[in-house]
Amino acid sequence: MARLNPVDPAFTRTTNSGSQKSGAFAHKTDAIRIVALTQNAYVSIGSEPDAGPTNFLVTVGEPEILSLGAPKNQRVVGVTTGATTVLSLPEGTGSPFNVGDTVSLTVTGQSYYDFTHQIVTVVNTGSRVDGYTPKVTVSYNSTGIATALSADSAATLRNSLKIAAESRTGSGSVHCQQVQNAG
């Protein structure tokens, strides 16, 4: 049996006869362990998932490890504020993000830039003779921020996900935690 290392704190999502979504969480590893605690549950994972009988079934007493795919993250070197927010990525790096991805930004020392689970609307990776600076536009209104991004702030853009769960036979809950295979 594989040994697993937890990556982030676990969270529990209540289930009932309707699909219930978790809050957004930062995607940090390629797998998540899900345990149905009291009722079998259908589970869906994505930007705005909706769980039901066409999704993965997690049964009570049978923990499941589901693939989340590869995490996406990138350092941010500049921010242009406005009705949408444009994030500049390091020159020459490209962008791991695609239009439609949901992302969260954390900026150490300038937390007023932080946002959670916003949609990527444009990815610009155009090149120039002197190199290129890829830019990602996000549907986050940052017009209230007037301070420039500090050169010594650690700013990271990371994709984010939600989990939806539904049980057909009454109230229950699922326990979820991102994990790494430790061998």
C-alpha atoms as a PDB file:
ATOM      1  CA  MET A   1       0.000   0.000   0.000  1.00  0.00           C
ATOM      2  CA  ALA A   2       1.289   3.458  -0.870  1.00  0.00           C
ATOM      3  CA  ARG A   3       2.218   5.844   1.891  1.00  0.00           C
ATOM      4  CA  LEU A   4       0.600   9.247   1.590  1.00  0.00           C
ATOM      5  CA  ASN A   5       1.749  12.625   2.846  1.00  0.00           C
ATOM      6  CA  PRO A   6      -0.930  15.252   3.529  1.00  0.00           C
ATOM      7  CA  VAL A   7      -0.315  18.504   1.651  1.00  0.00           C
ATOM      8  CA  ASP A   8      -2.838  20.950   3.119  1.00  0.00           C
ATOM      9  CA  PRO A   9      -5.291  20.845   6.009  1.00  0.00           C
ATOM     10  CA  ALA A  10      -8.219  18.521   5.373  1.00  0.00           C
ATOM     11  CA  PHE A  11     -11.764  19.818   5.048  1.00  0.00           C
ATOM     12  CA  THR A  12     -15.202  18.256   5.324  1.00  0.00           C
ATOM     13  CA  ARG A  13     -18.106  18.920   2.951  1.00  0.00           C
ATOM     14  CA  THR A  14     -21.663  18.151   4.066  1.00  0.00           C
ATOM     15  CA  THR A  15     -23.749  16.158   1.593  1.00  0.00           C
ATOM     16  CA  ASN A  16     -27.482  15.760   1.086  1.00  0.00           C
ATOM     17  CA  SER A  17     -29.890  15.130  -1.780  1.00  0.00           C
ATOM     18  CA  GLY A  18     -28.663  18.252  -3.614  1.00  0.00           C
ATOM     19  CA  SER A  19     -25.145  18.954  -4.821  1.00  0.00           C
ATOM     20  CA  GLN A  20     -23.147  20.866  -2.186  1.00  0.00           C
ATOM     21  CA  LYS A  21     -19.954  22.764  -3.175  1.00  0.00           C
ATOM     22  CA  SER A  22     -16.889  23.342  -1.030  1.00  0.00           C
ATOM     23  CA  GLY A  23     -15.111  26.637  -0.856  1.00  0.00           C
ATOM     24  CA  ALA A  24     -12.224  27.111  -3.266  1.00  0.00           C
ATOM     25  CA  PHE A  25      -8.905  25.519  -2.372  1.00  0.00           C
ATOM     26  CA  ALA A  26      -5.445  26.030  -3.850  1.00  0.00           C
ATOM     27  CA  HIS A  27      -4.469  23.152  -6.147  1.00  0.00           C
ATOM     28  CA  LYS A  28      -1.095  22.001  -4.787  1.00  0.00           C
ATOM     29  CA  THR A  29      -0.755  18.320  -5.719  1.00  0.00           C
ATOM     30  CA  ASP A  30      -2.061  15.889  -8.309  1.00  0.00           C
ATOM     31  CA  ALA A  31      -4.218  13.787  -5.950  1.00  0.00           C
ATOM     32  CA  ILE A  32      -6.938  14.200  -3.359  1.00  0.00           C
ATOM     33  CA  ARG A  33      -8.071  11.583  -0.838  1.00  0.00           C
ATOM     34  CA  ILE A  34     -11.823  11.513  -0.230  1.00  0.00           C
ATOM     35  CA  VAL A  35     -13.616   9.517   2.459  1.00  0.00           C
ATOM     36  CA  ALA A  36     -17.413   9.264   2.671  1.00  0.00           C
ATOM     37  CA  LEU A  37     -18.088   9.392   6.414  1.00  0.00           C
ATOM     38  CA  THR A  38     -21.750   8.398   6.852  1.00  0.00           C
ATOM     39  CA  GLN A  39     -23.403   8.092   3.406  1.00  0.00           C
ATOM     40  CA  ASN A  40     -22.183   7.118  -0.062  1.00  0.00           C
ATOM     41  CA  ALA A  41     -21.550  10.283  -2.080  1.00  0.00           C
ATOM     42  CA  TYR A  42     -21.179  11.280  -5.706  1.00  0.00           C
ATOM     43  CA  VAL A  43     -18.193  13.612  -6.094  1.00  0.00           C
ATOM     44  CA  SER A  44     -17.195  16.099  -8.799  1.00  0.00           C
ATOM     45  CA  ILE A  45     -14.099  18.333  -8.859  1.00  0.00           C
ATOM     46  CA  GLY A  46     -13.566  21.475 -10.955  1.00  0.00           C
ATOM     47  CA  SER A  47     -13.967  25.242 -11.158  1.00  0.00           C
ATOM     48  CA  GLU A  48     -17.712  25.221 -10.373  1.00  0.00           C
ATOM     49  CA  PRO A  49     -18.608  21.508 -10.110  1.00  0.00           C
ATOM     50  CA  ASP A  50     -22.067  20.004  -9.735  1.00  0.00           C
ATOM     51  CA  ALA A  51     -22.213  16.446  -8.322  1.00  0.00           C
ATOM     52  CA  GLY A  52     -24.728  13.787  -9.272  1.00  0.00           C
ATOM     53  CA  PRO A  53     -25.126  10.170 -10.426  1.00  0.00           C
ATOM     54  CA  THR A  54     -22.932  10.684 -13.499  1.00  0.00           C
ATOM     55  CA  ASN A  55     -19.936  11.517 -11.284  1.00  0.00           C
ATOM     56  CA  PHE A  56     -17.517   9.420  -9.214  1.00  0.00           C
ATOM     57  CA  LEU A  57     -19.144   7.431  -6.395  1.00  0.00           C
ATOM     58  CA  VAL A  58     -17.287   7.300  -3.060  1.00  0.00           C
ATOM     59  CA  THR A  59     -18.672   4.605  -0.773  1.00  0.00           C
ATOM     60  CA  VAL A  60     -18.604   4.601   3.029  1.00  0.00           C
ATOM     61  CA  GLY A  61     -15.596   2.741   4.372  1.00  0.00           C
ATOM     62  CA  GLU A  62     -13.705   2.836   1.042  1.00  0.00           C
ATOM     63  CA  PRO A  63     -11.385   5.873   0.861  1.00  0.00           C
ATOM     64  CA  GLU A  64     -10.685   6.950  -2.711  1.00  0.00           C
ATOM     65  CA  ILE A  65      -7.744   8.836  -4.166  1.00  0.00           C
ATOM     66  CA  LEU A  66      -8.803  10.880  -7.174  1.00  0.00           C
ATOM     67  CA  SER A  67      -6.538  12.593  -9.676  1.00  0.00           C
ATOM     68  CA  LEU A  68      -6.655  16.388  -9.773  1.00  0.00           C
ATOM     69  CA  GLY A  69      -4.245  16.643 -12.701  1.00  0.00           C
ATOM     70  CA  ALA A  70      -1.038  18.623 -12.530  1.00  0.00           C
ATOM     71  CA  PRO A  71      -1.148  21.775 -10.391  1.00  0.00           C
ATOM     72  CA  LYS A  72      -0.496  25.067 -12.179  1.00  0.00           C
ATOM     73  CA  ASN A  73       1.328  27.966 -10.536  1.00  0.00           C
ATOM     74  CA  GLN A  74       3.598  30.817 -11.506  1.00  0.00           C
ATOM     75  CA  ARG A  75       5.357  33.747  -9.901  1.00  0.00           C
ATOM     76  CA  VAL A  76       3.810  37.156 -10.640  1.00  0.00           C
ATOM     77  CA  VAL A  77       6.163  40.079 -11.308  1.00  0.00           C
ATOM     78  CA  GLY A  78       3.655  42.846 -12.032  1.00  0.00           C
ATOM     79  CA  VAL A  79      -0.002  43.745 -11.525  1.00  0.00           C
ATOM     80  CA  THR A  80      -2.092  46.185 -13.561  1.00  0.00           C
ATOM     81  CA  THR A  81      -5.229  47.026 -11.601  1.00  0.00           C
ATOM     82  CA  GLY A  82      -8.621  47.934 -13.029  1.00  0.00           C
ATOM     83  CA  ALA A  83     -12.070  46.496 -13.743  1.00  0.00           C
ATOM     84  CA  THR A  84     -10.146  43.342 -14.644  1.00  0.00           C
ATOM     85  CA  THR A  85      -6.682  42.545 -13.261  1.00  0.00           C
ATOM     86  CA  VAL A  86      -3.697  41.907 -15.538  1.00  0.00           C
ATOM     87  CA  LEU A  87      -0.907  39.831 -14.015  1.00  0.00           C
ATOM     88  CA  SER A  88       2.571  39.897 -15.576  1.00  0.00           C
ATOM     89  CA  LEU A  89       4.560  36.684 -15.356  1.00  0.00           C
ATOM     90  CA  PRO A  90       8.388  36.486 -15.502  1.00  0.00           C
ATOM     91  CA  GLU A  91       9.925  37.175 -18.892  1.00  0.00           C
ATOM     92  CA  GLY A  92      10.577  34.054 -20.933  1.00  0.00           C
ATOM     93  CA  THR A  93       8.542  31.674 -18.766  1.00  0.00           C
ATOM     94  CA  GLY A  94       5.252  31.267 -20.605  1.00  0.00           C
ATOM     95  CA  SER A  95       1.929  30.781 -18.869  1.00  0.00           C
ATOM     96  CA  PRO A  96       0.674  27.481 -17.438  1.00  0.00           C
ATOM     97  CA  PHE A  97      -2.865  28.927 -17.297  1.00  0.00           C
ATOM     98  CA  ASN A  98      -5.611  28.712 -19.909  1.00  0.00           C
ATOM     99  CA  VAL A  99      -8.704  30.820 -20.522  1.00  0.00           C
ATOM    100  CA  GLY A 100     -11.444  29.453 -18.250  1.00  0.00           C
ATOM    101  CA  ASP A 101      -9.102  28.291 -15.468  1.00  0.00           C
ATOM    102  CA  THR A 102      -9.906  29.554 -11.985  1.00  0.00           C
ATOM    103  CA  VAL A 103      -6.980  31.010 -10.055  1.00  0.00           C
ATOM    104  CA  SER A 104      -6.080  32.533  -6.700  1.00  0.00           C
ATOM    105  CA  LEU A 105      -3.355  35.096  -6.018  1.00  0.00           C
ATOM    106  CA  THR A 106      -1.360  35.422  -2.796  1.00  0.00           C
ATOM    107  CA  VAL A 107       1.110  38.258  -2.266  1.00  0.00           C
ATOM    108  CA  THR A 108       3.322  38.148   0.822  1.00  0.00           C
ATOM    109  CA  GLY A 109       3.583  41.603   2.378  1.00  0.00           C
ATOM    110  CA  GLN A 110       0.814  43.100   0.202  1.00  0.00           C
ATOM    111  CA  SER A 111      -2.231  40.993   1.028  1.00  0.00           C
ATOM    112  CA  TYR A 112      -4.612  43.631  -0.387  1.00  0.00           C
ATOM    113  CA  TYR A 113      -3.705  42.135  -3.798  1.00  0.00           C
ATOM    114  CA  ASP A 114      -4.889  38.660  -2.724  1.00  0.00           C
ATOM    115  CA  PHE A 115      -7.956  37.189  -4.391  1.00  0.00           C
ATOM    116  CA  THR A 116      -9.550  33.747  -4.518  1.00  0.00           C
ATOM    117  CA  HIS A 117     -11.060  31.658  -7.312  1.00  0.00           C
ATOM    118  CA  GLN A 118     -11.310  34.152 -10.160  1.00  0.00           C
ATOM    119  CA  ILE A 119     -11.689  33.220 -13.841  1.00  0.00           C
ATOM    120  CA  VAL A 120      -8.843  33.662 -16.346  1.00  0.00           C
ATOM    121  CA  THR A 121     -10.327  35.581 -19.286  1.00  0.00           C
ATOM    122  CA  VAL A 122      -7.242  36.257 -21.456  1.00  0.00           C
ATOM    123  CA  VAL A 123      -3.782  34.707 -21.766  1.00  0.00           C
ATOM    124  CA  ASN A 124      -1.274  36.751 -23.777  1.00  0.00           C
ATOM    125  CA  THR A 125       2.059  35.133 -24.548  1.00  0.00           C
ATOM    126  CA  GLY A 126       3.008  37.350 -27.518  1.00  0.00           C
ATOM    127  CA  SER A 127       6.728  37.682 -28.227  1.00  0.00           C
ATOM    128  CA  ARG A 128       8.956  40.672 -28.956  1.00  0.00           C
ATOM    129  CA  VAL A 129      12.523  41.015 -30.198  1.00  0.00           C
ATOM    130  CA  ASP A 130      13.805  41.688 -26.661  1.00  0.00           C
ATOM    131  CA  GLY A 131      11.958  38.739 -25.092  1.00  0.00           C
ATOM    132  CA  TYR A 132       8.417  38.515 -23.843  1.00  0.00           C
ATOM    133  CA  THR A 133       6.419  38.966 -20.708  1.00  0.00           C
ATOM    134  CA  PRO A 134       3.369  36.703 -20.635  1.00  0.00           C
ATOM    135  CA  LYS A 135       0.264  38.268 -19.136  1.00  0.00           C
ATOM    136  CA  VAL A 136      -2.850  36.716 -17.655  1.00  0.00           C
ATOM    137  CA  THR A 137      -6.073  38.732 -17.345  1.00  0.00           C
ATOM    138  CA  VAL A 138      -8.405  37.736 -14.523  1.00  0.00           C
ATOM    139  CA  SER A 139     -12.039  38.735 -13.927  1.00  0.00           C
ATOM    140  CA  TYR A 140     -11.146  40.387 -10.618  1.00  0.00           C
ATOM    141  CA  ASN A 141     -11.991  44.073 -10.061  1.00  0.00           C
ATOM    142  CA  SER A 142      -8.926  45.616  -8.412  1.00  0.00           C
ATOM    143  CA  THR A 143      -9.685  49.300  -9.096  1.00  0.00           C
ATOM    144  CA  GLY A 144      -9.362  50.152  -5.386  1.00  0.00           C
ATOM    145  CA  ILE A 145      -5.654  49.233  -5.266  1.00  0.00           C
ATOM    146  CA  ALA A 146      -3.352  52.184  -5.979  1.00  0.00           C
ATOM    147  CA  THR A 147      -0.059  50.863  -4.570  1.00  0.00           C
ATOM    148  CA  ALA A 148       2.417  49.273  -6.998  1.00  0.00           C
ATOM    149  CA  LEU A 149       3.479  45.677  -6.492  1.00  0.00           C
ATOM    150  CA  SER A 150       6.660  45.742  -4.430  1.00  0.00           C
ATOM    151  CA  ALA A 151       9.738  44.208  -6.070  1.00  0.00           C
ATOM    152  CA  ASP A 152      10.414  42.186  -2.903  1.00  0.00           C
ATOM    153  CA  SER A 153       6.852  40.835  -2.521  1.00  0.00           C
ATOM    154  CA  ALA A 154       6.465  37.126  -3.144  1.00  0.00           C
ATOM    155  CA  ALA A 155       3.438  36.949  -5.454  1.00  0.00           C
ATOM    156  CA  THR A 156       2.157  33.547  -6.609  1.00  0.00           C
ATOM    157  CA  LEU A 157      -0.740  32.754  -8.916  1.00  0.00           C
ATOM    158  CA  ARG A 158      -2.091  29.217  -8.491  1.00  0.00           C
ATOM    159  CA  ASN A 159      -5.074  27.420  -9.979  1.00  0.00           C
ATOM    160  CA  SER A 160      -7.921  26.712  -7.573  1.00  0.00           C
ATOM    161  CA  LEU A 161     -10.659  24.101  -7.474  1.00  0.00           C
ATOM    162  CA  LYS A 162     -13.863  23.210  -5.650  1.00  0.00           C
ATOM    163  CA  ILE A 163     -15.376  19.847  -4.733  1.00  0.00           C
ATOM    164  CA  ALA A 164     -19.093  19.135  -5.014  1.00  0.00           C
ATOM    165  CA  ALA A 165     -20.685  16.169  -3.266  1.00  0.00           C
ATOM    166  CA  GLU A 166     -24.183  14.718  -3.178  1.00  0.00           C
ATOM    167  CA  SER A 167     -25.648  11.769  -1.309  1.00  0.00           C
ATOM    168  CA  ARG A 168     -28.883  10.213  -2.518  1.00  0.00           C
ATOM    169  CA  THR A 169     -29.938   8.546   0.728  1.00  0.00           C
ATOM    170  CA  GLY A 170     -29.822  11.340   3.308  1.00  0.00           C
ATOM    171  CA  SER A 171     -27.431  13.723   4.977  1.00  0.00           C
ATOM    172  CA  GLY A 172     -23.788  12.812   5.199  1.00  0.00           C
ATOM    173  CA  SER A 173     -20.332  14.242   4.665  1.00  0.00           C
ATOM    174  CA  VAL A 174     -17.107  13.664   2.802  1.00  0.00           C
ATOM    175  CA  HIS A 175     -13.653  14.292   4.234  1.00  0.00           C
ATOM    176  CA  CYS A 176     -11.140  15.627   1.666  1.00  0.00           C
ATOM    177  CA  GLN A 177      -7.377  16.182   1.734  1.00  0.00           C
ATOM    178  CA  GLN A 178      -4.771  16.754  -0.967  1.00  0.00           C
ATOM    179  CA  VAL A 179      -2.034  14.130  -0.714  1.00  0.00           C
ATOM    180  CA  GLN A 180       1.319  13.151  -2.214  1.00  0.00           C
ATOM    181  CA  ASN A 181       2.451   9.583  -2.777  1.00  0.00           C
ATOM    182  CA  ALA A 182       5.422   9.021  -0.452  1.00  0.00           C
ATOM    183  CA  GLY A 183       6.432   5.638  -1.808  1.00  0.00           C
END
